[in-house]
N, C-alpha and C. Protein backbone atom coordinates (compact mmCIF):
# COMPACT_ATOMS: atom_id res chain seq x y z
N MET A 1 6.01 -12.36 -2.01
CA MET A 1 4.67 -12.43 -2.63
C MET A 1 3.65 -12.51 -1.45
N LEU A 2 2.59 -11.71 -1.54
CA LEU A 2 1.53 -11.79 -0.60
C LEU A 2 0.43 -12.62 -1.14
N GLU A 3 -0.06 -13.56 -0.30
CA GLU A 3 -1.18 -14.39 -0.85
C GLU A 3 -2.54 -13.58 -0.53
N GLU A 4 -3.52 -14.10 -1.29
CA GLU A 4 -4.90 -13.60 -1.10
C GLU A 4 -5.25 -13.73 0.40
N GLY A 5 -6.03 -12.74 0.91
CA GLY A 5 -6.60 -12.93 2.33
C GLY A 5 -5.55 -12.69 3.35
N VAL A 6 -4.51 -11.99 3.21
CA VAL A 6 -3.38 -11.71 4.13
C VAL A 6 -4.11 -11.15 5.40
N GLU A 7 -3.68 -11.64 6.57
CA GLU A 7 -4.20 -11.20 7.93
C GLU A 7 -3.91 -9.70 7.91
N LYS A 8 -4.82 -8.85 8.54
CA LYS A 8 -4.64 -7.42 8.74
C LYS A 8 -4.10 -7.13 10.05
N VAL A 9 -2.83 -7.44 10.12
CA VAL A 9 -1.90 -7.18 11.33
C VAL A 9 -0.78 -6.31 10.89
N SER A 10 -0.22 -5.52 11.89
CA SER A 10 0.91 -4.68 11.43
C SER A 10 2.16 -5.43 11.08
N VAL A 11 2.48 -6.67 11.62
CA VAL A 11 3.57 -7.41 11.26
C VAL A 11 3.23 -8.80 11.10
N LEU A 12 3.45 -9.26 9.86
CA LEU A 12 3.03 -10.67 9.39
C LEU A 12 4.14 -11.68 9.91
N PRO A 13 3.70 -13.03 10.05
CA PRO A 13 4.58 -13.92 10.45
C PRO A 13 5.99 -14.00 9.77
N SER A 14 5.96 -13.66 8.51
CA SER A 14 7.19 -13.53 7.62
C SER A 14 8.13 -12.38 8.14
N GLY A 15 7.60 -11.43 8.86
CA GLY A 15 8.33 -10.24 9.31
C GLY A 15 7.96 -9.03 8.35
N ALA A 16 7.20 -9.26 7.38
CA ALA A 16 6.81 -8.12 6.59
C ALA A 16 5.79 -7.31 7.33
N MET A 17 5.94 -5.97 7.05
CA MET A 17 5.01 -4.97 7.75
C MET A 17 3.93 -4.44 6.94
N GLN A 18 2.84 -4.08 7.39
CA GLN A 18 1.76 -3.53 6.67
C GLN A 18 1.57 -2.13 7.21
N GLY A 19 1.32 -1.18 6.44
CA GLY A 19 1.11 0.22 6.83
C GLY A 19 -0.47 0.49 6.92
N LEU A 20 -0.75 1.71 7.25
CA LEU A 20 -2.13 2.14 7.24
C LEU A 20 -2.60 2.43 5.79
N ASN A 21 -3.99 2.02 5.60
CA ASN A 21 -4.53 2.34 4.34
C ASN A 21 -5.30 3.66 4.44
N ASP A 22 -6.04 4.01 3.34
CA ASP A 22 -6.75 5.31 3.22
C ASP A 22 -7.96 5.28 4.24
N PHE A 23 -8.27 4.27 4.88
CA PHE A 23 -9.39 4.17 5.84
C PHE A 23 -8.82 4.32 7.30
N GLY A 24 -7.40 4.38 7.37
CA GLY A 24 -6.82 4.52 8.65
C GLY A 24 -6.63 3.23 9.33
N ARG A 25 -6.78 2.12 8.61
CA ARG A 25 -6.66 0.76 9.24
C ARG A 25 -5.54 0.08 8.56
N ILE A 26 -5.07 -0.95 9.32
CA ILE A 26 -3.90 -1.95 8.85
C ILE A 26 -4.53 -2.77 7.71
N GLY A 27 -3.71 -2.87 6.67
CA GLY A 27 -3.87 -3.89 5.60
C GLY A 27 -4.62 -3.24 4.41
N TYR A 28 -4.87 -4.12 3.39
CA TYR A 28 -5.56 -3.67 2.20
C TYR A 28 -7.01 -3.97 2.20
N ASP A 29 -7.87 -2.93 1.89
CA ASP A 29 -9.24 -3.01 1.91
C ASP A 29 -9.80 -3.03 0.55
N GLY A 30 -9.18 -2.68 -0.51
CA GLY A 30 -9.69 -2.68 -1.82
C GLY A 30 -10.41 -1.48 -2.14
N PRO A 31 -10.74 -1.27 -3.51
CA PRO A 31 -11.45 -0.06 -3.93
C PRO A 31 -12.80 0.01 -3.17
N CYS A 32 -13.32 1.20 -3.01
CA CYS A 32 -14.71 1.48 -2.48
C CYS A 32 -15.05 2.81 -3.12
N PRO A 33 -15.41 2.74 -4.27
CA PRO A 33 -15.85 4.11 -4.91
C PRO A 33 -17.16 4.59 -4.48
N PRO A 34 -17.35 5.90 -4.58
CA PRO A 34 -18.71 6.47 -4.20
C PRO A 34 -19.60 6.00 -5.30
N ALA A 35 -20.93 5.98 -4.99
CA ALA A 35 -21.93 5.58 -5.89
C ALA A 35 -22.05 6.60 -6.97
N GLY A 36 -22.29 6.24 -8.15
CA GLY A 36 -22.51 7.12 -9.30
C GLY A 36 -21.49 6.85 -10.40
N LYS A 37 -20.85 7.86 -10.93
CA LYS A 37 -19.85 7.70 -12.00
C LYS A 37 -18.64 6.95 -11.67
N PRO A 38 -17.87 6.35 -12.63
CA PRO A 38 -16.77 5.60 -12.31
C PRO A 38 -15.63 6.53 -11.49
N HIS A 39 -14.80 5.87 -10.69
CA HIS A 39 -13.74 6.53 -9.88
C HIS A 39 -12.52 5.93 -10.30
N ARG A 40 -11.43 6.64 -10.39
CA ARG A 40 -10.20 6.23 -10.81
C ARG A 40 -9.31 5.90 -9.52
N TYR A 41 -8.65 4.76 -9.51
CA TYR A 41 -7.67 4.39 -8.50
C TYR A 41 -6.39 4.16 -9.20
N ILE A 42 -5.22 4.66 -8.46
CA ILE A 42 -3.93 4.39 -8.96
C ILE A 42 -3.19 3.58 -7.94
N PHE A 43 -2.73 2.43 -8.47
CA PHE A 43 -1.82 1.52 -7.55
C PHE A 43 -0.40 1.66 -8.02
N LYS A 44 0.55 1.86 -7.01
CA LYS A 44 1.94 2.09 -7.29
C LYS A 44 2.72 1.01 -6.49
N ILE A 45 3.73 0.50 -7.16
CA ILE A 45 4.69 -0.41 -6.65
C ILE A 45 6.02 0.08 -6.87
N PHE A 46 6.92 -0.06 -5.80
CA PHE A 46 8.29 0.44 -5.83
C PHE A 46 9.18 -0.85 -5.65
N ALA A 47 10.34 -0.81 -6.43
CA ALA A 47 11.52 -1.65 -6.15
C ALA A 47 12.52 -0.77 -5.43
N LEU A 48 12.94 -1.24 -4.22
CA LEU A 48 13.91 -0.47 -3.45
C LEU A 48 15.28 -1.16 -3.26
N ASP A 49 16.33 -0.31 -2.91
CA ASP A 49 17.62 -0.92 -2.77
C ASP A 49 17.87 -1.25 -1.32
N THR A 50 16.84 -1.26 -0.47
CA THR A 50 17.06 -1.42 1.04
C THR A 50 15.69 -1.74 1.58
N ILE A 51 15.72 -2.26 2.85
CA ILE A 51 14.59 -2.36 3.58
C ILE A 51 14.29 -1.11 4.23
N LEU A 52 13.08 -0.56 4.26
CA LEU A 52 12.82 0.66 4.90
C LEU A 52 12.83 0.67 6.31
N ASP A 53 13.35 1.81 6.88
CA ASP A 53 13.47 1.86 8.38
C ASP A 53 12.16 2.66 8.90
N VAL A 54 11.01 1.94 8.85
CA VAL A 54 9.70 2.46 9.25
C VAL A 54 9.17 1.60 10.31
N LYS A 55 8.30 2.08 11.21
CA LYS A 55 7.66 1.34 12.21
C LYS A 55 6.41 0.53 11.61
N PRO A 56 6.02 -0.53 12.22
CA PRO A 56 4.73 -1.17 11.85
C PRO A 56 3.59 -0.16 11.84
N ALA A 57 2.65 -0.20 10.91
CA ALA A 57 1.57 0.65 10.78
C ALA A 57 1.85 2.10 10.49
N ALA A 58 2.90 2.25 9.60
CA ALA A 58 3.39 3.63 9.15
C ALA A 58 2.36 4.04 8.25
N SER A 59 2.26 5.44 8.21
CA SER A 59 1.44 6.16 7.29
C SER A 59 1.97 6.19 5.94
N LYS A 60 1.14 6.58 4.89
CA LYS A 60 1.55 6.77 3.61
C LYS A 60 2.74 7.81 3.61
N ASN A 61 2.65 8.88 4.25
CA ASN A 61 3.63 10.01 4.20
C ASN A 61 4.95 9.52 4.81
N GLU A 62 4.90 8.69 5.92
CA GLU A 62 6.11 8.09 6.44
C GLU A 62 6.79 7.25 5.54
N ILE A 63 6.02 6.46 4.83
CA ILE A 63 6.61 5.59 3.83
C ILE A 63 7.27 6.22 2.69
N LEU A 64 6.56 7.24 2.10
CA LEU A 64 7.00 7.98 1.04
C LEU A 64 8.29 8.65 1.44
N LYS A 65 8.29 9.35 2.57
CA LYS A 65 9.59 10.05 3.02
C LYS A 65 10.75 8.93 3.16
N ALA A 66 10.42 7.88 3.71
CA ALA A 66 11.53 6.79 3.99
C ALA A 66 12.08 6.19 2.64
N LEU A 67 11.32 6.18 1.59
CA LEU A 67 11.76 5.52 0.32
C LEU A 67 12.49 6.47 -0.61
N GLN A 68 12.46 7.85 -0.22
CA GLN A 68 13.24 8.76 -1.07
C GLN A 68 14.73 8.38 -1.09
N ASN A 69 15.30 8.43 -2.31
CA ASN A 69 16.74 8.05 -2.60
C ASN A 69 16.89 6.49 -2.57
N HIS A 70 15.88 5.77 -2.41
CA HIS A 70 16.01 4.33 -2.42
C HIS A 70 15.26 3.52 -3.49
N VAL A 71 14.58 4.23 -4.49
CA VAL A 71 13.78 3.73 -5.47
C VAL A 71 14.58 3.31 -6.68
N ILE A 72 14.71 2.10 -7.05
CA ILE A 72 15.36 1.63 -8.22
C ILE A 72 14.55 1.31 -9.38
N GLY A 73 13.25 1.24 -9.08
CA GLY A 73 12.14 0.91 -10.20
C GLY A 73 10.85 1.14 -9.63
N GLU A 74 9.90 1.60 -10.53
CA GLU A 74 8.53 1.67 -10.01
C GLU A 74 7.46 1.38 -11.24
N ALA A 75 6.27 1.09 -10.82
CA ALA A 75 5.26 0.77 -11.83
C ALA A 75 3.95 1.39 -11.31
N GLU A 76 3.02 1.64 -12.22
CA GLU A 76 1.73 2.24 -11.83
C GLU A 76 0.76 1.50 -12.63
N LEU A 77 -0.45 1.26 -11.97
CA LEU A 77 -1.61 0.61 -12.63
C LEU A 77 -2.73 1.58 -12.26
N THR A 78 -3.49 2.01 -13.25
CA THR A 78 -4.67 2.72 -12.99
C THR A 78 -5.93 1.82 -13.29
N GLY A 79 -6.91 1.79 -12.41
CA GLY A 79 -8.09 1.00 -12.54
C GLY A 79 -9.20 1.95 -12.33
N ILE A 80 -10.30 1.66 -13.10
CA ILE A 80 -11.59 2.45 -13.09
C ILE A 80 -12.58 1.45 -12.57
N PHE A 81 -13.15 1.91 -11.34
CA PHE A 81 -14.20 1.10 -10.62
C PHE A 81 -15.40 1.96 -10.47
N SER A 82 -16.61 1.37 -10.45
CA SER A 82 -17.88 2.01 -10.09
C SER A 82 -18.76 1.03 -9.44
N ARG A 83 -19.88 1.61 -8.78
CA ARG A 83 -20.92 0.73 -8.30
C ARG A 83 -22.23 1.45 -8.46
């Protein structure tokens, strides 16, 4: 479980690694919709049968490639945000 306010570093003290977000930075930055009409965000979580063999600060594509054939469950949450 990740606590609120997790430090934005590639490897946490627990050994857990964080990848790059859509802004090209380490860690979670949260939704930042453009001004105007609501914007849809899709959050995905995967249950795996192994620890992925990826380097810290891996990109989304590197992670998606590494998890192929290791997904044993997944869930998706769609959120609508606006400002």
